[in-house]
């Protein structure tokens, strides 16, 4: 039997790889495609069994943004997510510098406690957090919800940023001291730029935490004008019927800010993952 030429084998292997990649992309992108098609089609009000838009319409988006008040929910979520990213990034960076650079008693215990808190199920924290927020008179407050999300995002952010801070050689800071830089200038001009990729990675985690969270937002927000997008989406689900066109249009609106955020920080995310994977 004649052996297949090496070039033919290489072409067959390349074709198989491209077929596998195409199948993976189709499997990954199909939910997004189905969501968009359902959002611009009139059919989802009676069913969602069509893979092609039966008739193009933007009525679902108009209903969601104008009549259902989803723009207000979108603004609430953007405000909460922005506060969460800013607060968790700043506090996590300061805490990561403390545990990575300073030597103090129970330092390892603090790190273990931070990691342990991350393992506690969210459902177990709803009632204690509700009681604390109620006692602080921060129910129905976007600031109160942001503070809770910051507390939820901090353990992972501290643990992740600690690795980035520890990877920065101490000689870099010592050189800045020798050149006469104060601690504050060394922190912002030397250390901060080096750990910025890690801040991007933790910022993405904090953003997703605040953007997608549902249970706490539903529990703490009793007024409709304070709802986030995750809670606002619930209004399109009825007891006996569901407005699938509005659901898919609202889901598309919810997805767009996340996509824009990822496009803005994607370079920093890649750099952060690469830097976080290599120590030293």
C-alpha atoms as a PDB file:
ATOM      1  CA  UNK A   1       0.000   0.000   0.000  1.00  0.00           C
ATOM      2  CA  UNK A   2       1.387   3.351  -0.964  1.00  0.00           C
ATOM      3  CA  UNK A   3       1.920   5.759   1.901  1.00  0.00           C
ATOM      4  CA  UNK A   4      -0.072   8.949   1.768  1.00  0.00           C
ATOM      5  CA  UNK A   5       2.158  11.910   0.859  1.00  0.00           C
ATOM      6  CA  UNK A   6       3.295  14.012   3.789  1.00  0.00           C
ATOM      7  CA  UNK A   7       1.746  17.110   2.243  1.00  0.00           C
ATOM      8  CA  UNK A   8      -1.638  15.405   1.998  1.00  0.00           C
ATOM      9  CA  UNK A   9      -1.431  14.297   5.636  1.00  0.00           C
ATOM     10  CA  UNK A  10      -0.569  17.848   6.686  1.00  0.00           C
ATOM     11  CA  UNK A  11      -3.469  19.269   4.697  1.00  0.00           C
ATOM     12  CA  UNK A  12      -5.854  16.730   6.203  1.00  0.00           C
ATOM     13  CA  UNK A  13      -4.633  17.552   9.723  1.00  0.00           C
ATOM     14  CA  UNK A  14      -5.012  21.280   9.087  1.00  0.00           C
ATOM     15  CA  UNK A  15      -8.520  20.746   7.710  1.00  0.00           C
ATOM     16  CA  UNK A  16      -9.425  18.705  10.780  1.00  0.00           C
ATOM     17  CA  UNK A  17      -8.114  21.434  13.082  1.00  0.00           C
ATOM     18  CA  UNK A  18     -10.054  24.128  11.247  1.00  0.00           C
ATOM     19  CA  UNK A  19     -13.180  21.995  11.357  1.00  0.00           C
ATOM     20  CA  UNK A  20     -12.770  21.529  15.104  1.00  0.00           C
ATOM     21  CA  UNK A  21     -12.245  25.269  15.589  1.00  0.00           C
ATOM     22  CA  UNK A  22     -15.305  26.058  13.471  1.00  0.00           C
ATOM     23  CA  UNK A  23     -17.423  23.585  15.437  1.00  0.00           C
ATOM     24  CA  UNK A  24     -16.214  25.061  18.727  1.00  0.00           C
ATOM     25  CA  UNK A  25     -16.971  28.610  17.576  1.00  0.00           C
ATOM     26  CA  UNK A  26     -20.410  27.588  16.357  1.00  0.00           C
ATOM     27  CA  UNK A  27     -21.147  25.876  19.669  1.00  0.00           C
ATOM     28  CA  UNK A  28     -19.901  28.918  21.630  1.00  0.00           C
ATOM     29  CA  UNK A  29     -21.541  31.651  19.567  1.00  0.00           C
ATOM     30  CA  UNK A  30     -24.878  29.943  18.944  1.00  0.00           C
ATOM     31  CA  UNK A  31     -26.513  31.194  22.201  1.00  0.00           C
ATOM     32  CA  UNK A  32     -25.544  34.783  21.350  1.00  0.00           C
ATOM     33  CA  UNK A  33     -26.821  34.355  17.789  1.00  0.00           C
ATOM     34  CA  UNK A  34     -30.113  32.894  18.987  1.00  0.00           C
ATOM     35  CA  UNK A  35     -30.500  35.737  21.499  1.00  0.00           C
ATOM     36  CA  UNK A  36     -30.024  38.435  18.855  1.00  0.00           C
ATOM     37  CA  UNK A  37     -32.251  36.693  16.306  1.00  0.00           C
ATOM     38  CA  UNK A  38     -35.018  36.321  18.890  1.00  0.00           C
ATOM     39  CA  UNK A  39     -34.626  39.968  19.923  1.00  0.00           C
ATOM     40  CA  UNK A  40     -35.181  41.310  16.389  1.00  0.00           C
ATOM     41  CA  UNK A  41     -37.959  38.890  15.474  1.00  0.00           C
ATOM     42  CA  UNK A  42     -41.674  39.166  16.190  1.00  0.00           C
ATOM     43  CA  UNK A  43     -41.982  35.394  16.632  1.00  0.00           C
ATOM     44  CA  UNK A  44     -40.619  35.157  20.225  1.00  0.00           C
ATOM     45  CA  UNK A  45     -43.947  36.468  21.570  1.00  0.00           C
ATOM     46  CA  UNK A  46     -45.556  33.173  20.529  1.00  0.00           C
ATOM     47  CA  UNK A  47     -42.539  30.852  20.452  1.00  0.00           C
ATOM     48  CA  UNK A  48     -38.757  30.598  20.058  1.00  0.00           C
ATOM     49  CA  UNK A  49     -38.399  27.629  17.728  1.00  0.00           C
ATOM     50  CA  UNK A  50     -37.095  29.543  14.669  1.00  0.00           C
ATOM     51  CA  UNK A  51     -33.380  29.908  14.017  1.00  0.00           C
ATOM     52  CA  UNK A  52     -33.955  32.683  11.469  1.00  0.00           C
ATOM     53  CA  UNK A  53     -35.800  35.976  12.064  1.00  0.00           C
ATOM     54  CA  UNK A  54     -39.295  35.642  10.657  1.00  0.00           C
ATOM     55  CA  UNK A  55     -39.642  39.426  10.331  1.00  0.00           C
ATOM     56  CA  UNK A  56     -37.156  42.094  11.375  1.00  0.00           C
ATOM     57  CA  UNK A  57     -38.361  44.523  14.033  1.00  0.00           C
ATOM     58  CA  UNK A  58     -36.901  46.770  16.735  1.00  0.00           C
ATOM     59  CA  UNK A  59     -40.147  46.889  18.659  1.00  0.00           C
ATOM     60  CA  UNK A  60     -38.747  44.620  21.360  1.00  0.00           C
ATOM     61  CA  UNK A  61     -35.890  47.026  22.029  1.00  0.00           C
ATOM     62  CA  UNK A  62     -38.239  50.012  22.047  1.00  0.00           C
ATOM     63  CA  UNK A  63     -40.501  48.265  24.529  1.00  0.00           C
ATOM     64  CA  UNK A  64     -37.591  47.315  26.782  1.00  0.00           C
ATOM     65  CA  UNK A  65     -35.827  50.689  26.755  1.00  0.00           C
ATOM     66  CA  UNK A  66     -38.795  53.062  26.749  1.00  0.00           C
ATOM     67  CA  UNK A  67     -41.841  51.353  28.201  1.00  0.00           C
ATOM     68  CA  UNK A  68     -40.181  48.932  30.631  1.00  0.00           C
ATOM     69  CA  UNK A  69     -37.731  51.522  31.991  1.00  0.00           C
ATOM     70  CA  UNK A  70     -34.679  49.376  31.314  1.00  0.00           C
ATOM     71  CA  UNK A  71     -32.458  52.423  30.746  1.00  0.00           C
ATOM     72  CA  UNK A  72     -32.849  53.259  34.427  1.00  0.00           C
ATOM     73  CA  UNK A  73     -31.864  49.719  35.424  1.00  0.00           C
ATOM     74  CA  UNK A  74     -28.885  49.958  33.091  1.00  0.00           C
ATOM     75  CA  UNK A  75     -27.762  53.183  34.736  1.00  0.00           C
ATOM     76  CA  UNK A  76     -28.119  51.651  38.197  1.00  0.00           C
ATOM     77  CA  UNK A  77     -26.010  48.644  37.210  1.00  0.00           C
ATOM     78  CA  UNK A  78     -23.331  50.829  35.629  1.00  0.00           C
ATOM     79  CA  UNK A  79     -23.132  52.956  38.780  1.00  0.00           C
ATOM     80  CA  UNK A  80     -22.945  49.931  41.081  1.00  0.00           C
ATOM     81  CA  UNK A  81     -20.396  48.152  38.875  1.00  0.00           C
ATOM     82  CA  UNK A  82     -18.237  51.278  38.607  1.00  0.00           C
ATOM     83  CA  UNK A  83     -18.201  51.806  42.370  1.00  0.00           C
ATOM     84  CA  UNK A  84     -17.468  48.130  42.927  1.00  0.00           C
ATOM     85  CA  UNK A  85     -14.529  48.083  40.516  1.00  0.00           C
ATOM     86  CA  UNK A  86     -13.032  51.301  41.898  1.00  0.00           C
ATOM     87  CA  UNK A  87     -13.485  50.410  45.562  1.00  0.00           C
ATOM     88  CA  UNK A  88     -12.396  46.785  45.363  1.00  0.00           C
ATOM     89  CA  UNK A  89      -9.355  47.596  43.195  1.00  0.00           C
ATOM     90  CA  UNK A  90      -8.083  50.297  45.551  1.00  0.00           C
ATOM     91  CA  UNK A  91      -8.648  48.344  48.773  1.00  0.00           C
ATOM     92  CA  UNK A  92      -7.332  45.094  47.303  1.00  0.00           C
ATOM     93  CA  UNK A  93      -4.164  46.794  46.071  1.00  0.00           C
ATOM     94  CA  UNK A  94      -3.432  48.306  49.479  1.00  0.00           C
ATOM     95  CA  UNK A  95      -4.138  45.004  51.228  1.00  0.00           C
ATOM     96  CA  UNK A  96      -2.035  43.057  48.712  1.00  0.00           C
ATOM     97  CA  UNK A  97       0.925  45.386  49.275  1.00  0.00           C
ATOM     98  CA  UNK A  98       0.552  44.923  53.031  1.00  0.00           C
ATOM     99  CA  UNK A  99       0.530  41.109  52.963  1.00  0.00           C
ATOM    100  CA  UNK A 100       3.201  40.836  50.249  1.00  0.00           C
ATOM    101  CA  UNK A 101       5.722  43.419  51.453  1.00  0.00           C
ATOM    102  CA  UNK A 102       5.339  43.711  55.215  1.00  0.00           C
ATOM    103  CA  UNK A 103       6.122  41.066  57.797  1.00  0.00           C
ATOM    104  CA  UNK A 104       3.734  40.936  60.742  1.00  0.00           C
ATOM    105  CA  UNK A 105       2.282  38.356  63.072  1.00  0.00           C
ATOM    106  CA  UNK A 106      -0.558  36.186  61.768  1.00  0.00           C
ATOM    107  CA  UNK A 107       0.150  37.250  58.180  1.00  0.00           C
ATOM    108  CA  UNK A 108      -0.388  33.700  56.927  1.00  0.00           C
ATOM    109  CA  UNK A 109      -3.553  33.431  59.019  1.00  0.00           C
ATOM    110  CA  UNK A 110      -4.913  36.564  57.369  1.00  0.00           C
ATOM    111  CA  UNK A 111      -4.289  35.106  53.914  1.00  0.00           C
ATOM    112  CA  UNK A 112      -5.965  31.824  54.861  1.00  0.00           C
ATOM    113  CA  UNK A 113      -8.964  33.700  56.271  1.00  0.00           C
ATOM    114  CA  UNK A 114      -9.235  35.736  53.066  1.00  0.00           C
ATOM    115  CA  UNK A 115      -9.277  32.550  51.016  1.00  0.00           C
ATOM    116  CA  UNK A 116     -11.744  30.874  53.400  1.00  0.00           C
ATOM    117  CA  UNK A 117     -14.217  33.743  53.106  1.00  0.00           C
ATOM    118  CA  UNK A 118     -14.217  33.223  49.347  1.00  0.00           C
ATOM    119  CA  UNK A 119     -15.437  29.649  49.878  1.00  0.00           C
ATOM    120  CA  UNK A 120     -18.544  30.614  51.890  1.00  0.00           C
ATOM    121  CA  UNK A 121     -21.718  30.173  49.755  1.00  0.00           C
ATOM    122  CA  UNK A 122     -23.466  33.424  48.949  1.00  0.00           C
ATOM    123  CA  UNK A 123     -26.795  32.018  50.138  1.00  0.00           C
ATOM    124  CA  UNK A 124     -25.365  31.710  53.656  1.00  0.00           C
ATOM    125  CA  UNK A 125     -24.485  35.409  53.696  1.00  0.00           C
ATOM    126  CA  UNK A 126     -27.772  36.901  52.509  1.00  0.00           C
ATOM    127  CA  UNK A 127     -29.469  37.210  55.905  1.00  0.00           C
ATOM    128  CA  UNK A 128     -26.410  38.502  57.851  1.00  0.00           C
ATOM    129  CA  UNK A 129     -25.645  41.015  55.121  1.00  0.00           C
ATOM    130  CA  UNK A 130     -29.289  42.128  54.985  1.00  0.00           C
ATOM    131  CA  UNK A 131     -29.321  42.734  58.732  1.00  0.00           C
ATOM    132  CA  UNK A 132     -26.095  44.733  58.580  1.00  0.00           C
ATOM    133  CA  UNK A 133     -27.253  46.828  55.645  1.00  0.00           C
ATOM    134  CA  UNK A 134     -30.594  47.420  57.348  1.00  0.00           C
ATOM    135  CA  UNK A 135     -28.891  48.525  60.575  1.00  0.00           C
ATOM    136  CA  UNK A 136     -26.741  50.935  58.565  1.00  0.00           C
ATOM    137  CA  UNK A 137     -29.918  52.264  56.912  1.00  0.00           C
ATOM    138  CA  UNK A 138     -28.539  51.551  53.455  1.00  0.00           C
ATOM    139  CA  UNK A 139     -31.384  49.468  52.035  1.00  0.00           C
ATOM    140  CA  UNK A 140     -32.608  50.649  48.622  1.00  0.00           C
ATOM    141  CA  UNK A 141     -29.274  52.427  48.223  1.00  0.00           C
ATOM    142  CA  UNK A 142     -26.939  51.910  45.286  1.00  0.00           C
ATOM    143  CA  UNK A 143     -24.042  52.826  47.561  1.00  0.00           C
ATOM    144  CA  UNK A 144     -25.055  50.190  50.095  1.00  0.00           C
ATOM    145  CA  UNK A 145     -25.299  47.537  47.399  1.00  0.00           C
ATOM    146  CA  UNK A 146     -21.910  48.603  46.040  1.00  0.00           C
ATOM    147  CA  UNK A 147     -20.332  48.262  49.493  1.00  0.00           C
ATOM    148  CA  UNK A 148     -21.657  44.706  49.752  1.00  0.00           C
ATOM    149  CA  UNK A 149     -20.308  43.831  46.304  1.00  0.00           C
ATOM    150  CA  UNK A 150     -16.929  45.312  47.219  1.00  0.00           C
ATOM    151  CA  UNK A 151     -16.826  43.056  50.275  1.00  0.00           C
ATOM    152  CA  UNK A 152     -17.680  40.037  48.107  1.00  0.00           C
ATOM    153  CA  UNK A 153     -15.033  40.848  45.497  1.00  0.00           C
ATOM    154  CA  UNK A 154     -12.234  41.714  47.922  1.00  0.00           C
ATOM    155  CA  UNK A 155     -11.094  38.199  48.965  1.00  0.00           C
ATOM    156  CA  UNK A 156     -10.373  37.040  45.424  1.00  0.00           C
ATOM    157  CA  UNK A 157      -8.948  40.427  44.426  1.00  0.00           C
ATOM    158  CA  UNK A 158      -6.550  40.490  47.394  1.00  0.00           C
ATOM    159  CA  UNK A 159      -5.398  36.925  46.783  1.00  0.00           C
ATOM    160  CA  UNK A 160      -4.795  37.554  43.094  1.00  0.00           C
ATOM    161  CA  UNK A 161      -3.095  40.943  43.484  1.00  0.00           C
ATOM    162  CA  UNK A 162      -0.804  39.567  46.159  1.00  0.00           C
ATOM    163  CA  UNK A 163       0.848  37.406  43.503  1.00  0.00           C
ATOM    164  CA  UNK A 164       1.384  40.402  41.237  1.00  0.00           C
ATOM    165  CA  UNK A 165       2.890  42.510  44.025  1.00  0.00           C
ATOM    166  CA  UNK A 166       5.118  39.658  45.190  1.00  0.00           C
ATOM    167  CA  UNK A 167       6.372  39.206  41.604  1.00  0.00           C
ATOM    168  CA  UNK A 168       7.767  42.756  41.559  1.00  0.00           C
ATOM    169  CA  UNK A 169      11.420  42.584  42.713  1.00  0.00           C
ATOM    170  CA  UNK A 170      12.034  44.407  45.964  1.00  0.00           C
ATOM    171  CA  UNK A 171      15.204  45.864  44.381  1.00  0.00           C
ATOM    172  CA  UNK A 172      13.005  48.069  42.190  1.00  0.00           C
ATOM    173  CA  UNK A 173      11.503  49.721  45.259  1.00  0.00           C
ATOM    174  CA  UNK A 174      14.889  49.982  46.941  1.00  0.00           C
ATOM    175  CA  UNK A 175      16.287  51.760  43.887  1.00  0.00           C
ATOM    176  CA  UNK A 176      13.430  54.259  44.071  1.00  0.00           C
ATOM    177  CA  UNK A 177      14.205  54.875  47.754  1.00  0.00           C
ATOM    178  CA  UNK A 178      17.871  55.441  46.972  1.00  0.00           C
ATOM    179  CA  UNK A 179      16.912  57.977  44.302  1.00  0.00           C
ATOM    180  CA  UNK A 180      15.036  59.925  46.959  1.00  0.00           C
ATOM    181  CA  UNK A 181      11.457  58.930  46.160  1.00  0.00           C
ATOM    182  CA  UNK A 182       8.980  59.020  49.016  1.00  0.00           C
ATOM    183  CA  UNK A 183       6.840  55.986  49.814  1.00  0.00           C
ATOM    184  CA  UNK A 184       3.821  57.545  48.153  1.00  0.00           C
ATOM    185  CA  UNK A 185       5.730  58.432  44.984  1.00  0.00           C
ATOM    186  CA  UNK A 186       7.303  54.985  44.865  1.00  0.00           C
ATOM    187  CA  UNK A 187       3.859  53.417  45.230  1.00  0.00           C
ATOM    188  CA  UNK A 188       2.147  55.387  42.464  1.00  0.00           C
ATOM    189  CA  UNK A 189       5.085  55.864  40.072  1.00  0.00           C
ATOM    190  CA  UNK A 190       6.896  52.542  40.418  1.00  0.00           C
ATOM    191  CA  UNK A 191       4.753  49.816  41.950  1.00  0.00           C
ATOM    192  CA  UNK A 192       1.355  50.810  40.564  1.00  0.00           C
ATOM    193  CA  UNK A 193       2.354  50.669  36.853  1.00  0.00           C
ATOM    194  CA  UNK A 194       3.942  47.248  37.357  1.00  0.00           C
ATOM    195  CA  UNK A 195       0.846  45.714  38.954  1.00  0.00           C
ATOM    196  CA  UNK A 196      -1.627  47.519  36.660  1.00  0.00           C
ATOM    197  CA  UNK A 197      -2.251  44.348  34.573  1.00  0.00           C
ATOM    198  CA  UNK A 198      -3.287  42.576  37.759  1.00  0.00           C
ATOM    199  CA  UNK A 199      -5.666  45.422  38.564  1.00  0.00           C
ATOM    200  CA  UNK A 200      -7.247  44.962  35.141  1.00  0.00           C
ATOM    201  CA  UNK A 201      -7.776  41.249  35.770  1.00  0.00           C
ATOM    202  CA  UNK A 202      -9.282  41.807  39.226  1.00  0.00           C
ATOM    203  CA  UNK A 203     -11.325  44.722  37.907  1.00  0.00           C
ATOM    204  CA  UNK A 204     -12.957  42.427  35.340  1.00  0.00           C
ATOM    205  CA  UNK A 205     -13.837  39.946  38.080  1.00  0.00           C
ATOM    206  CA  UNK A 206     -15.326  42.722  40.231  1.00  0.00           C
ATOM    207  CA  UNK A 207     -17.291  44.109  37.273  1.00  0.00           C
ATOM    208  CA  UNK A 208     -18.808  40.729  36.449  1.00  0.00           C
ATOM    209  CA  UNK A 209     -19.613  40.126  40.121  1.00  0.00           C
ATOM    210  CA  UNK A 210     -21.570  43.375  40.367  1.00  0.00           C
ATOM    211  CA  UNK A 211     -23.147  43.162  36.917  1.00  0.00           C
ATOM    212  CA  UNK A 212     -24.543  39.635  37.080  1.00  0.00           C
ATOM    213  CA  UNK A 213     -25.455  39.333  40.769  1.00  0.00           C
ATOM    214  CA  UNK A 214     -29.174  38.799  41.393  1.00  0.00           C
ATOM    215  CA  UNK A 215     -29.942  37.501  44.886  1.00  0.00           C
ATOM    216  CA  UNK A 216     -28.535  40.406  46.919  1.00  0.00           C
ATOM    217  CA  UNK A 217     -29.869  43.028  44.513  1.00  0.00           C
ATOM    218  CA  UNK A 218     -33.339  41.500  44.749  1.00  0.00           C
ATOM    219  CA  UNK A 219     -33.130  41.297  48.549  1.00  0.00           C
ATOM    220  CA  UNK A 220     -31.775  44.791  49.229  1.00  0.00           C
ATOM    221  CA  UNK A 221     -33.709  46.762  46.597  1.00  0.00           C
ATOM    222  CA  UNK A 222     -37.430  47.087  47.292  1.00  0.00           C
ATOM    223  CA  UNK A 223     -38.097  50.066  45.015  1.00  0.00           C
ATOM    224  CA  UNK A 224     -38.397  49.523  41.268  1.00  0.00           C
ATOM    225  CA  UNK A 225     -36.362  52.594  40.357  1.00  0.00           C
ATOM    226  CA  UNK A 226     -33.393  51.093  42.225  1.00  0.00           C
ATOM    227  CA  UNK A 227     -33.367  47.754  40.422  1.00  0.00           C
ATOM    228  CA  UNK A 228     -30.298  46.555  38.567  1.00  0.00           C
ATOM    229  CA  UNK A 229     -30.507  44.889  35.157  1.00  0.00           C
ATOM    230  CA  UNK A 230     -30.479  41.390  36.650  1.00  0.00           C
ATOM    231  CA  UNK A 231     -33.550  42.193  38.759  1.00  0.00           C
ATOM    232  CA  UNK A 232     -35.217  44.272  36.040  1.00  0.00           C
ATOM    233  CA  UNK A 233     -35.096  41.333  33.651  1.00  0.00           C
ATOM    234  CA  UNK A 234     -37.473  39.449  35.950  1.00  0.00           C
ATOM    235  CA  UNK A 235     -40.444  41.648  35.010  1.00  0.00           C
ATOM    236  CA  UNK A 236     -40.754  40.004  31.585  1.00  0.00           C
ATOM    237  CA  UNK A 237     -41.420  36.588  33.112  1.00  0.00           C
ATOM    238  CA  UNK A 238     -45.087  36.146  34.011  1.00  0.00           C
ATOM    239  CA  UNK A 239     -46.853  33.402  35.921  1.00  0.00           C
ATOM    240  CA  UNK A 240     -48.489  31.935  32.825  1.00  0.00           C
ATOM    241  CA  UNK A 241     -46.628  33.531  29.926  1.00  0.00           C
ATOM    242  CA  UNK A 242     -43.243  34.999  29.075  1.00  0.00           C
ATOM    243  CA  UNK A 243     -42.501  37.819  26.654  1.00  0.00           C
ATOM    244  CA  UNK A 244     -39.521  36.158  25.001  1.00  0.00           C
ATOM    245  CA  UNK A 245     -38.950  39.028  22.600  1.00  0.00           C
ATOM    246  CA  UNK A 246     -38.492  41.432  25.502  1.00  0.00           C
ATOM    247  CA  UNK A 247     -36.385  38.904  27.403  1.00  0.00           C
ATOM    248  CA  UNK A 248     -33.995  38.465  24.494  1.00  0.00           C
ATOM    249  CA  UNK A 249     -33.865  42.207  23.747  1.00  0.00           C
ATOM    250  CA  UNK A 250     -33.123  42.980  27.392  1.00  0.00           C
ATOM    251  CA  UNK A 251     -30.482  40.234  27.470  1.00  0.00           C
ATOM    252  CA  UNK A 252     -28.847  41.788  24.413  1.00  0.00           C
ATOM    253  CA  UNK A 253     -28.829  45.198  26.099  1.00  0.00           C
ATOM    254  CA  UNK A 254     -27.315  43.645  29.221  1.00  0.00           C
ATOM    255  CA  UNK A 255     -24.587  41.930  27.203  1.00  0.00           C
ATOM    256  CA  UNK A 256     -23.427  45.013  25.281  1.00  0.00           C
ATOM    257  CA  UNK A 257     -21.779  46.896  28.208  1.00  0.00           C
ATOM    258  CA  UNK A 258     -19.901  43.731  29.179  1.00  0.00           C
ATOM    259  CA  UNK A 259     -18.614  43.337  25.619  1.00  0.00           C
ATOM    260  CA  UNK A 260     -17.542  46.988  25.476  1.00  0.00           C
ATOM    261  CA  UNK A 261     -15.772  46.650  28.831  1.00  0.00           C
ATOM    262  CA  UNK A 262     -13.897  43.570  27.642  1.00  0.00           C
ATOM    263  CA  UNK A 263     -12.886  45.263  24.395  1.00  0.00           C
ATOM    264  CA  UNK A 264     -11.462  48.201  26.342  1.00  0.00           C
ATOM    265  CA  UNK A 265      -9.414  46.124  28.783  1.00  0.00           C
ATOM    266  CA  UNK A 266      -8.599  43.049  26.695  1.00  0.00           C
ATOM    267  CA  UNK A 267      -4.941  44.000  26.201  1.00  0.00           C
ATOM    268  CA  UNK A 268      -4.482  44.574  29.898  1.00  0.00           C
ATOM    269  CA  UNK A 269      -6.245  41.305  30.654  1.00  0.00           C
ATOM    270  CA  UNK A 270      -3.904  39.294  28.416  1.00  0.00           C
ATOM    271  CA  UNK A 271      -0.864  41.013  29.927  1.00  0.00           C
ATOM    272  CA  UNK A 272      -2.215  40.387  33.407  1.00  0.00           C
ATOM    273  CA  UNK A 273      -2.778  36.686  32.809  1.00  0.00           C
ATOM    274  CA  UNK A 274       0.688  36.256  31.312  1.00  0.00           C
ATOM    275  CA  UNK A 275       2.378  38.191  34.087  1.00  0.00           C
ATOM    276  CA  UNK A 276       0.401  36.391  36.761  1.00  0.00           C
ATOM    277  CA  UNK A 277       1.455  33.012  35.350  1.00  0.00           C
ATOM    278  CA  UNK A 278       5.201  33.792  35.575  1.00  0.00           C
ATOM    279  CA  UNK A 279       6.770  34.522  38.900  1.00  0.00           C
ATOM    280  CA  UNK A 280       9.874  36.693  39.093  1.00  0.00           C
END
